[in-house]
Amino acid sequence: MSNDTQYNLGHTSLAGQQWLSSNPNALRVLMLHGWLDNSASFTNLAPYLSDYNLSAVDLAGHGLSDHRPDGCFYHLWDYALDIISILNLSSQPLWLVGHSMGGAVAMLVAALAPEKVRGLIVLDSLGPATATPNERVVTMKRAMQKMLKQRSQRNTHYPSQEDLVYARMHGMTELSHDAAKLLVKRGSTVKNGEWVWRADPKLSFPSPYRMDEDSVEAYISSIKCPTLALLANQGFYGNEPDLLKRRTQMFPWIKVQFLDGSHHFHLETATCYSVAQEIHRFIDQN
């Protein structure tokens, strides 16, 4: 059973959940979810990791956390600042687990605050998406135009929560009904008698800036801690052998393993146990 928690960071307030071990001295693990998900992403994984003190954050704009102010984008480095601020609340380093976008954030944090991170585990993630320098003007222009039209944006309304579940099942990545329901339960609310997403609509705006590949690899090469990359056979990297090889070669210390399942293999009940086993094994060995 999880407990809700809150991180008051001064510049923002983030919500989260904790699954605490009966051993108060157990290793601490902080888990970061993917884009448009929330901390419920780790609900099915947590019971198999009960030897550890687990915390999962709703990243800014997601779940029950504060949204960024109007006029602000959601940059990866802003998420990294939030997470380092959380890590600074304690003098003890911990393990980071990040799924998808949360994996990219965790990698930045491990590079920027190595003294705070004992180890890094990324789930179907090998870092941020990139762009070439000659694409930057076009992508920035598109993002600015979207932001300038923001005031006309309205949340999509749904007659029932089950309609949101169906929409989430058939989003950018396919999810089972049970997995989608967990995310929707934390990520939706009733407004004027209809169901709406809690997530900040600005999260769907085009990214104004993406790092180039050299920049991402510079961050990767600065990660000093033991790193485990668990990748899904039906996930994002099975058809990206060149990217997989290039990025993994930049890590000073990494183990890479493919497991059965889709992009949300850590959330789906059929595959989350295998993911938990590998996480447990890696932490215990390091």
Protein backbone atom coordinates (compact mmCIF):
# COMPACT_ATOMS: atom_id res chain seq x y z
CA MET A 1 0.00 0.00 0.00
CA SER A 2 1.40 3.39 -0.96
CA ASN A 3 1.42 6.62 1.03
CA ASP A 4 1.05 10.02 -0.61
CA THR A 5 3.91 12.45 -0.12
CA GLN A 6 4.72 16.03 -1.06
CA TYR A 7 7.99 17.75 -1.99
CA ASN A 8 7.91 21.50 -1.33
CA LEU A 9 10.90 22.78 -3.25
CA GLY A 10 10.43 26.52 -3.07
CA HIS A 11 10.16 27.04 -6.83
CA THR A 12 7.45 24.37 -7.12
CA SER A 13 5.60 21.65 -5.24
CA LEU A 14 5.65 18.06 -6.43
CA ALA A 15 3.45 15.19 -5.30
CA GLY A 16 4.44 11.56 -5.10
CA GLN A 17 3.90 8.16 -3.57
CA GLN A 18 5.98 6.03 -1.23
CA TRP A 19 6.14 2.29 -0.60
CA LEU A 20 8.21 1.95 2.57
CA SER A 21 10.06 -1.17 3.65
CA SER A 22 9.65 -2.58 7.15
CA ASN A 23 13.41 -2.04 7.43
CA PRO A 24 13.96 1.69 8.09
CA ASN A 25 17.60 1.35 6.96
CA ALA A 26 16.68 -0.15 3.59
CA LEU A 27 18.20 1.32 0.45
CA ARG A 28 16.32 4.32 -0.94
CA VAL A 29 15.09 4.25 -4.54
CA LEU A 30 13.52 7.21 -6.36
CA MET A 31 11.43 6.39 -9.46
CA LEU A 32 10.63 8.76 -12.33
CA HIS A 33 7.78 8.10 -14.78
CA GLY A 34 7.45 8.81 -18.48
CA TRP A 35 5.78 11.57 -20.48
CA LEU A 36 2.04 11.99 -19.71
CA ASP A 37 2.20 9.20 -17.11
CA ASN A 38 2.42 9.71 -13.33
CA SER A 39 3.75 7.97 -10.23
CA ALA A 40 1.10 5.24 -10.55
CA SER A 41 3.32 3.91 -13.34
CA PHE A 42 5.20 2.00 -10.62
CA THR A 43 2.19 0.63 -8.73
CA ASN A 44 2.54 -2.95 -9.98
CA LEU A 45 6.35 -2.95 -9.72
CA ALA A 46 6.53 -1.72 -6.13
CA PRO A 47 5.29 -4.87 -4.32
CA TYR A 48 8.14 -6.88 -5.87
CA LEU A 49 10.71 -4.38 -4.55
CA SER A 50 9.56 -4.35 -0.93
CA ASP A 51 13.15 -4.72 0.36
CA TYR A 52 13.72 -1.06 -0.51
CA ASN A 53 12.27 2.28 0.54
CA LEU A 54 10.61 3.34 -2.70
CA SER A 55 9.46 6.80 -3.70
CA ALA A 56 7.87 7.80 -7.02
CA VAL A 57 7.44 11.42 -8.06
CA ASP A 58 4.70 12.99 -10.15
CA LEU A 59 6.92 15.10 -12.39
CA ALA A 60 5.90 18.74 -12.81
CA GLY A 61 2.71 19.08 -14.83
CA HIS A 62 1.78 15.43 -14.23
CA GLY A 63 -0.40 13.64 -11.68
CA LEU A 64 -1.02 15.74 -8.56
CA SER A 65 2.04 17.99 -8.97
CA ASP A 66 2.04 21.70 -9.74
CA HIS A 67 2.01 22.86 -13.34
CA ARG A 68 4.65 25.17 -14.74
CA PRO A 69 3.44 28.81 -14.96
CA ASP A 70 1.96 30.10 -18.21
CA GLY A 71 4.72 31.05 -20.61
CA CYS A 72 7.00 28.24 -19.43
CA PHE A 73 7.92 25.10 -21.31
CA TYR A 74 8.74 21.67 -19.89
CA HIS A 75 12.47 21.27 -20.50
CA LEU A 76 14.36 18.15 -19.43
CA TRP A 77 16.83 20.28 -17.48
CA ASP A 78 13.95 21.82 -15.49
CA TYR A 79 12.88 18.32 -14.47
CA ALA A 80 16.51 17.59 -13.58
CA LEU A 81 16.59 20.68 -11.34
CA ASP A 82 13.41 19.47 -9.59
CA ILE A 83 14.86 16.02 -8.94
CA ILE A 84 18.24 17.31 -7.75
CA SER A 85 16.31 19.61 -5.40
CA ILE A 86 14.57 16.52 -3.98
CA LEU A 87 17.89 14.69 -3.63
CA ASN A 88 19.32 17.69 -1.77
CA LEU A 89 16.69 17.21 0.95
CA SER A 90 18.82 14.29 2.19
CA SER A 91 22.54 13.86 2.71
CA GLN A 92 22.38 10.21 1.64
CA PRO A 93 22.71 9.17 -2.04
CA LEU A 94 20.08 6.87 -3.51
CA TRP A 95 19.24 4.76 -6.55
CA LEU A 96 17.38 6.31 -9.48
CA VAL A 97 14.95 4.34 -11.65
CA GLY A 98 13.49 6.12 -14.67
CA HIS A 99 11.07 5.00 -17.36
CA SER A 100 11.10 6.54 -20.84
CA MET A 101 11.28 10.34 -20.40
CA GLY A 102 11.92 9.72 -16.70
CA GLY A 103 14.94 7.68 -17.73
CA ALA A 104 16.29 10.64 -19.71
CA VAL A 105 15.78 12.89 -16.68
CA ALA A 106 17.48 10.34 -14.41
CA MET A 107 20.47 10.22 -16.75
CA LEU A 108 20.85 14.02 -16.62
CA VAL A 109 20.60 13.95 -12.83
CA ALA A 110 23.22 11.20 -12.55
CA ALA A 111 25.59 13.26 -14.70
CA LEU A 112 24.91 16.59 -12.96
CA ALA A 113 24.81 15.37 -9.33
CA PRO A 114 26.94 12.20 -9.27
CA GLU A 115 27.49 12.46 -5.51
CA LYS A 116 23.73 12.01 -4.99
CA VAL A 117 23.22 8.90 -7.15
CA ARG A 118 24.43 5.46 -6.04
CA GLY A 119 23.17 3.73 -9.15
CA LEU A 120 20.98 4.27 -12.21
CA ILE A 121 18.37 2.00 -13.80
CA VAL A 122 16.60 3.09 -16.99
CA LEU A 123 13.52 1.32 -18.34
CA ASP A 124 13.06 1.35 -22.13
CA SER A 125 15.10 4.53 -22.25
CA LEU A 126 18.58 5.51 -23.37
CA GLY A 127 18.28 9.25 -23.07
CA PRO A 128 16.63 12.21 -24.77
CA ALA A 129 15.46 12.44 -28.36
CA THR A 130 17.83 14.61 -30.36
CA ALA A 131 17.78 17.05 -33.27
CA THR A 132 20.43 18.40 -35.61
CA PRO A 133 21.46 22.06 -35.34
CA ASN A 134 19.85 22.97 -38.66
CA GLU A 135 16.45 21.81 -37.33
CA ARG A 136 16.47 24.17 -34.36
CA VAL A 137 14.97 27.30 -35.92
CA VAL A 138 11.98 25.39 -37.32
CA THR A 139 11.29 23.49 -34.08
CA MET A 140 11.67 26.60 -31.92
CA LYS A 141 9.35 28.58 -34.20
CA ARG A 142 6.69 25.85 -34.09
CA ALA A 143 6.89 25.64 -30.30
CA MET A 144 6.65 29.43 -29.89
CA GLN A 145 3.61 29.62 -32.14
CA LYS A 146 1.88 26.95 -30.09
CA MET A 147 2.72 28.72 -26.82
CA LEU A 148 1.39 32.05 -28.13
CA LYS A 149 -1.96 30.38 -28.89
CA GLN A 150 -2.10 28.74 -25.47
CA ARG A 151 -4.93 30.85 -24.08
CA SER A 152 -7.34 29.37 -26.59
CA GLN A 153 -6.49 25.84 -25.48
CA ARG A 154 -9.17 23.90 -23.62
CA ASN A 155 -9.00 20.54 -21.93
CA THR A 156 -10.84 17.74 -23.70
CA HIS A 157 -13.82 16.65 -21.62
CA TYR A 158 -15.06 13.07 -21.29
CA PRO A 159 -18.44 11.84 -20.03
CA SER A 160 -16.89 9.12 -17.85
CA GLN A 161 -13.57 8.01 -16.43
CA GLU A 162 -13.84 4.85 -18.49
CA ASP A 163 -13.69 7.00 -21.63
CA LEU A 164 -10.33 8.35 -20.45
CA VAL A 165 -9.15 4.79 -19.82
CA TYR A 166 -10.05 3.84 -23.39
CA ALA A 167 -8.24 6.91 -24.74
CA ARG A 168 -5.11 6.08 -22.72
CA MET A 169 -5.18 2.46 -23.87
CA HIS A 170 -4.88 3.64 -27.46
CA GLY A 171 -2.48 6.55 -27.02
CA MET A 172 1.06 6.85 -28.40
CA THR A 173 1.83 3.46 -26.81
CA GLU A 174 -0.71 0.68 -26.35
CA LEU A 175 -1.68 -0.25 -22.79
CA SER A 176 -3.92 -2.92 -21.28
CA HIS A 177 -7.13 -1.80 -19.62
CA ASP A 178 -5.80 -2.45 -16.11
CA ALA A 179 -2.54 -0.59 -16.72
CA ALA A 180 -4.31 2.38 -18.29
CA LYS A 181 -6.80 2.51 -15.42
CA LEU A 182 -4.01 2.93 -12.86
CA LEU A 183 -2.59 5.93 -14.72
CA VAL A 184 -6.00 7.46 -15.35
CA LYS A 185 -7.12 7.13 -11.73
CA ARG A 186 -4.28 9.39 -10.58
CA GLY A 187 -4.13 11.47 -13.74
CA SER A 188 -7.77 12.64 -14.07
CA THR A 189 -10.41 14.57 -12.17
CA VAL A 190 -14.00 15.79 -12.49
CA LYS A 191 -14.61 19.36 -13.63
CA ASN A 192 -18.10 20.78 -14.11
CA GLY A 193 -19.55 17.27 -14.08
CA GLU A 194 -17.19 15.89 -16.74
CA TRP A 195 -13.86 14.07 -16.61
CA VAL A 196 -10.65 15.84 -17.65
CA TRP A 197 -6.93 15.05 -17.56
CA ARG A 198 -4.97 16.56 -14.67
CA ALA A 199 -1.86 16.86 -16.84
CA ASP A 200 -0.90 20.33 -18.03
CA PRO A 201 -2.01 20.78 -21.68
CA LYS A 202 1.36 22.47 -22.33
CA LEU A 203 2.97 19.03 -22.07
CA SER A 204 1.62 18.27 -25.55
CA PHE A 205 3.34 21.31 -27.10
CA PRO A 206 6.27 20.67 -29.43
CA SER A 207 9.64 20.73 -27.70
CA PRO A 208 11.30 24.09 -28.40
CA TYR A 209 14.82 22.67 -28.14
CA ARG A 210 16.39 19.26 -28.43
CA MET A 211 20.03 18.53 -27.73
CA ASP A 212 22.18 17.18 -30.53
CA GLU A 213 23.66 13.70 -30.26
CA ASP A 214 27.09 14.95 -29.21
CA SER A 215 25.54 16.80 -26.26
CA VAL A 216 23.61 13.73 -25.10
CA GLU A 217 26.73 11.60 -25.34
CA ALA A 218 28.66 14.16 -23.28
CA TYR A 219 26.11 13.74 -20.48
CA ILE A 220 26.23 9.96 -20.77
CA SER A 221 30.01 9.87 -20.55
CA SER A 222 29.78 11.89 -17.29
CA ILE A 223 27.65 9.25 -15.53
CA LYS A 224 29.95 7.56 -13.03
CA CYS A 225 27.62 5.15 -11.22
CA PRO A 226 26.69 1.56 -12.15
CA THR A 227 23.95 1.66 -14.77
CA LEU A 228 21.41 -0.92 -15.90
CA ALA A 229 19.36 -0.43 -19.07
CA LEU A 230 16.34 -2.74 -19.27
CA LEU A 231 14.84 -2.52 -22.75
CA ALA A 232 11.54 -4.00 -23.94
CA ASN A 233 11.55 -6.42 -26.86
CA GLN A 234 8.48 -4.64 -28.21
CA GLY A 235 9.65 -1.22 -27.03
CA PHE A 236 11.47 1.73 -28.55
CA TYR A 237 14.95 0.31 -29.12
CA GLY A 238 14.51 -3.08 -30.75
CA ASN A 239 14.69 -1.47 -34.21
CA GLU A 240 17.38 1.08 -33.32
CA PRO A 241 20.61 -0.97 -33.27
CA ASP A 242 22.84 1.93 -34.32
CA LEU A 243 21.49 4.28 -31.65
CA LEU A 244 21.65 1.51 -29.06
CA LYS A 245 25.28 0.73 -29.87
CA ARG A 246 26.36 4.38 -30.05
CA ARG A 247 24.83 5.42 -26.75
CA THR A 248 25.71 2.35 -24.70
CA GLN A 249 29.35 2.66 -25.78
CA MET A 250 29.46 6.10 -24.15
CA PHE A 251 28.54 4.85 -20.65
CA PRO A 252 31.56 4.25 -18.42
CA TRP A 253 29.66 1.40 -16.66
CA ILE A 254 26.50 -0.16 -18.12
CA LYS A 255 24.70 -3.48 -18.40
CA VAL A 256 22.06 -3.78 -21.14
CA GLN A 257 19.34 -6.41 -21.16
CA PHE A 258 16.24 -6.93 -23.31
CA LEU A 259 13.11 -8.35 -21.67
CA ASP A 260 9.76 -9.47 -23.03
CA GLY A 261 7.06 -6.85 -23.11
CA SER A 262 5.98 -3.50 -24.48
CA HIS A 263 7.17 0.02 -23.67
CA HIS A 264 5.32 -0.14 -20.31
CA PHE A 265 6.69 -3.57 -19.39
CA HIS A 266 7.27 -2.37 -15.81
CA LEU A 267 3.55 -1.55 -15.42
CA GLU A 268 1.85 -4.44 -17.20
CA THR A 269 1.04 -7.29 -14.80
CA ALA A 270 2.31 -9.96 -17.22
CA THR A 271 5.83 -8.53 -17.35
CA CYS A 272 6.46 -6.35 -14.27
CA TYR A 273 7.78 -9.24 -12.16
CA SER A 274 10.60 -9.95 -14.61
CA VAL A 275 11.53 -6.27 -14.60
CA ALA A 276 11.52 -6.23 -10.79
CA GLN A 277 13.74 -9.33 -10.65
CA GLU A 278 16.41 -7.67 -12.79
CA ILE A 279 16.23 -4.44 -10.80
CA HIS A 280 16.57 -6.37 -7.54
CA ARG A 281 19.48 -8.42 -8.83
CA PHE A 282 21.38 -5.40 -10.12
CA ILE A 283 20.94 -3.33 -6.95
CA ASP A 284 21.97 -6.23 -4.75
CA GLN A 285 25.10 -6.87 -6.83
CA ASN A 286 26.16 -3.23 -6.76
